[in-house]
Amino acid sequence: DKASLSKPYPSIIIAAGRQAVTAAMAFREHSFTIVLQNPHIKSTYFDMVIPPLHDEVKGENVFSTIGALH
């Protein structure tokens, strides 16, 4: 719902999981977006992607971790 995407926008959006990726994409023009797992779409749609190393996500904005963040 676009009515709920009104100012002030959050400075940072941190999304974890496939369903949260869609919500993060809605804010990407207004907020710094971070995805904590494999987004299953191009990593370039986000400012930073932090997946576990075993997800094998590649890209300039990808910073893989040895284990999952929690």
N, C-alpha and C. Protein backbone atom coordinates (compact mmCIF):
# COMPACT_ATOMS: atom_id res chain seq x y z
N ASP A 1 0.85 -1.17 0.00
CA ASP A 1 0.00 0.00 0.00
C ASP A 1 0.89 1.24 0.00
N LYS A 2 0.81 2.02 -1.07
CA LYS A 2 1.67 3.20 -1.19
C LYS A 2 1.37 4.26 -0.14
N ALA A 3 0.18 4.28 0.40
CA ALA A 3 -0.15 5.26 1.43
C ALA A 3 0.70 5.06 2.68
N SER A 4 1.13 3.84 2.95
CA SER A 4 1.93 3.58 4.13
C SER A 4 3.42 3.88 3.90
N LEU A 5 3.81 4.24 2.67
CA LEU A 5 5.20 4.56 2.35
C LEU A 5 5.42 6.07 2.31
N SER A 6 4.98 6.74 3.35
CA SER A 6 5.11 8.19 3.37
C SER A 6 6.30 8.62 4.22
N LYS A 7 6.70 9.86 4.04
CA LYS A 7 7.82 10.43 4.80
C LYS A 7 7.45 10.56 6.26
N PRO A 8 8.37 10.53 7.18
CA PRO A 8 9.81 10.33 6.95
C PRO A 8 10.12 8.86 6.72
N TYR A 9 10.99 8.60 5.76
CA TYR A 9 11.41 7.24 5.46
C TYR A 9 12.50 6.81 6.45
N PRO A 10 12.59 5.54 6.75
CA PRO A 10 13.68 5.07 7.62
C PRO A 10 15.02 5.24 6.91
N SER A 11 16.06 5.49 7.67
CA SER A 11 17.40 5.64 7.08
C SER A 11 17.92 4.31 6.56
N ILE A 12 17.63 3.25 7.30
CA ILE A 12 18.12 1.91 6.95
C ILE A 12 16.97 0.91 7.04
N ILE A 13 16.90 0.03 6.05
CA ILE A 13 15.96 -1.09 6.07
C ILE A 13 16.80 -2.35 6.11
N ILE A 14 16.57 -3.22 7.08
CA ILE A 14 17.25 -4.50 7.17
C ILE A 14 16.19 -5.58 7.00
N ALA A 15 16.33 -6.35 5.92
CA ALA A 15 15.36 -7.39 5.61
C ALA A 15 16.00 -8.76 5.78
N ALA A 16 15.24 -9.70 6.31
CA ALA A 16 15.73 -11.07 6.47
C ALA A 16 14.68 -12.03 5.97
N GLY A 17 14.99 -12.73 4.91
CA GLY A 17 14.06 -13.72 4.37
C GLY A 17 13.42 -13.26 3.07
N ARG A 18 12.91 -14.22 2.34
CA ARG A 18 12.35 -13.95 1.00
C ARG A 18 11.18 -12.98 1.02
N GLN A 19 10.29 -13.11 1.98
CA GLN A 19 9.11 -12.25 2.00
C GLN A 19 9.46 -10.81 2.34
N ALA A 20 10.51 -10.61 3.10
CA ALA A 20 10.92 -9.25 3.47
C ALA A 20 11.62 -8.52 2.32
N VAL A 21 12.11 -9.26 1.33
CA VAL A 21 12.80 -8.66 0.19
C VAL A 21 11.87 -7.71 -0.55
N THR A 22 10.62 -8.09 -0.73
CA THR A 22 9.65 -7.25 -1.43
C THR A 22 9.45 -5.93 -0.70
N ALA A 23 9.32 -5.97 0.60
CA ALA A 23 9.14 -4.75 1.39
C ALA A 23 10.39 -3.87 1.30
N ALA A 24 11.56 -4.47 1.36
CA ALA A 24 12.80 -3.70 1.26
C ALA A 24 12.90 -3.01 -0.10
N MET A 25 12.48 -3.67 -1.13
CA MET A 25 12.53 -3.08 -2.47
C MET A 25 11.64 -1.84 -2.57
N ALA A 26 10.56 -1.81 -1.83
CA ALA A 26 9.66 -0.66 -1.86
C ALA A 26 10.33 0.61 -1.33
N PHE A 27 11.33 0.45 -0.47
CA PHE A 27 12.01 1.59 0.14
C PHE A 27 13.36 1.89 -0.49
N ARG A 28 13.81 1.12 -1.45
CA ARG A 28 15.19 1.22 -1.91
C ARG A 28 15.57 2.58 -2.48
N GLU A 29 14.64 3.36 -2.95
CA GLU A 29 14.96 4.70 -3.45
C GLU A 29 15.06 5.72 -2.32
N HIS A 30 14.60 5.37 -1.14
CA HIS A 30 14.54 6.31 -0.02
C HIS A 30 15.43 5.93 1.15
N SER A 31 15.81 4.67 1.25
CA SER A 31 16.55 4.16 2.40
C SER A 31 17.71 3.29 1.95
N PHE A 32 18.72 3.15 2.82
CA PHE A 32 19.81 2.21 2.58
C PHE A 32 19.27 0.82 2.89
N THR A 33 19.29 -0.07 1.91
CA THR A 33 18.66 -1.38 2.08
C THR A 33 19.71 -2.49 2.23
N ILE A 34 19.48 -3.34 3.23
CA ILE A 34 20.35 -4.47 3.54
C ILE A 34 19.49 -5.73 3.60
N VAL A 35 19.95 -6.79 2.94
CA VAL A 35 19.27 -8.09 3.00
C VAL A 35 20.22 -9.07 3.67
N LEU A 36 19.74 -9.80 4.67
CA LEU A 36 20.59 -10.68 5.46
C LEU A 36 20.63 -12.13 4.98
N GLN A 37 19.90 -12.46 3.96
CA GLN A 37 19.94 -13.81 3.41
C GLN A 37 19.95 -13.71 1.89
N ASN A 38 19.97 -14.84 1.23
CA ASN A 38 19.94 -14.85 -0.23
C ASN A 38 18.62 -14.23 -0.69
N PRO A 39 18.66 -13.10 -1.42
CA PRO A 39 17.41 -12.47 -1.83
C PRO A 39 16.72 -13.18 -3.00
N HIS A 40 17.40 -14.10 -3.66
CA HIS A 40 16.88 -14.85 -4.80
C HIS A 40 16.52 -13.95 -5.97
N ILE A 41 17.05 -12.74 -5.98
CA ILE A 41 17.02 -11.83 -7.13
C ILE A 41 18.39 -11.17 -7.18
N LYS A 42 18.65 -10.35 -8.17
CA LYS A 42 19.96 -9.71 -8.30
C LYS A 42 20.31 -8.92 -7.05
N SER A 43 21.54 -9.09 -6.59
CA SER A 43 21.98 -8.37 -5.39
C SER A 43 22.06 -6.86 -5.64
N THR A 44 22.13 -6.45 -6.89
CA THR A 44 22.24 -5.02 -7.22
C THR A 44 20.97 -4.24 -6.91
N TYR A 45 19.88 -4.92 -6.61
CA TYR A 45 18.65 -4.23 -6.21
C TYR A 45 18.76 -3.65 -4.80
N PHE A 46 19.81 -4.00 -4.08
CA PHE A 46 19.99 -3.57 -2.69
C PHE A 46 21.34 -2.91 -2.51
N ASP A 47 21.47 -2.13 -1.45
CA ASP A 47 22.75 -1.49 -1.17
C ASP A 47 23.76 -2.50 -0.63
N MET A 48 23.30 -3.46 0.15
CA MET A 48 24.18 -4.46 0.74
C MET A 48 23.41 -5.76 0.93
N VAL A 49 24.08 -6.87 0.64
CA VAL A 49 23.51 -8.20 0.87
C VAL A 49 24.50 -8.95 1.75
N ILE A 50 24.01 -9.52 2.85
CA ILE A 50 24.87 -10.23 3.81
C ILE A 50 24.31 -11.65 4.00
N PRO A 51 24.60 -12.53 3.05
CA PRO A 51 24.11 -13.91 3.15
C PRO A 51 25.14 -14.82 3.81
N PRO A 52 24.72 -15.99 4.29
CA PRO A 52 25.68 -16.98 4.73
C PRO A 52 26.50 -17.44 3.51
N LEU A 53 27.75 -17.79 3.73
CA LEU A 53 28.66 -18.20 2.66
C LEU A 53 28.09 -19.35 1.83
N HIS A 54 27.37 -20.28 2.48
CA HIS A 54 26.84 -21.44 1.76
C HIS A 54 25.75 -21.08 0.75
N ASP A 55 25.21 -19.85 0.81
CA ASP A 55 24.21 -19.43 -0.19
C ASP A 55 24.85 -19.11 -1.53
N GLU A 56 26.18 -18.92 -1.55
CA GLU A 56 26.94 -18.67 -2.77
C GLU A 56 26.44 -17.49 -3.58
N VAL A 57 26.08 -16.41 -2.92
CA VAL A 57 25.66 -15.18 -3.59
C VAL A 57 26.91 -14.39 -3.92
N LYS A 58 26.99 -13.85 -5.13
CA LYS A 58 28.16 -13.09 -5.57
C LYS A 58 27.75 -11.68 -5.96
N GLY A 59 28.68 -10.74 -5.80
CA GLY A 59 28.45 -9.37 -6.22
C GLY A 59 29.32 -8.41 -5.44
N GLU A 60 29.49 -7.20 -5.98
CA GLU A 60 30.33 -6.19 -5.33
C GLU A 60 29.76 -5.74 -3.99
N ASN A 61 28.46 -5.81 -3.82
CA ASN A 61 27.81 -5.37 -2.58
C ASN A 61 27.46 -6.54 -1.66
N VAL A 62 28.04 -7.72 -1.91
CA VAL A 62 27.76 -8.92 -1.13
C VAL A 62 28.91 -9.17 -0.15
N PHE A 63 28.56 -9.34 1.11
CA PHE A 63 29.52 -9.60 2.18
C PHE A 63 29.06 -10.87 2.91
N SER A 64 29.58 -12.00 2.49
CA SER A 64 29.15 -13.29 3.03
C SER A 64 29.72 -13.53 4.43
N THR A 65 28.95 -14.24 5.24
CA THR A 65 29.38 -14.59 6.59
C THR A 65 29.56 -16.10 6.68
N ILE A 66 30.38 -16.54 7.62
CA ILE A 66 30.61 -17.97 7.82
C ILE A 66 29.32 -18.68 8.24
N GLY A 67 28.54 -18.08 9.11
CA GLY A 67 27.26 -18.63 9.54
C GLY A 67 26.18 -17.58 9.39
N ALA A 68 24.97 -17.96 9.70
CA ALA A 68 23.85 -17.02 9.62
C ALA A 68 23.92 -15.99 10.76
N LEU A 69 23.55 -14.76 10.46
CA LEU A 69 23.48 -13.74 11.50
C LEU A 69 22.23 -13.93 12.35
N HIS A 70 22.37 -13.74 13.65
CA HIS A 70 21.19 -13.79 14.53
C HIS A 70 21.49 -13.08 15.81
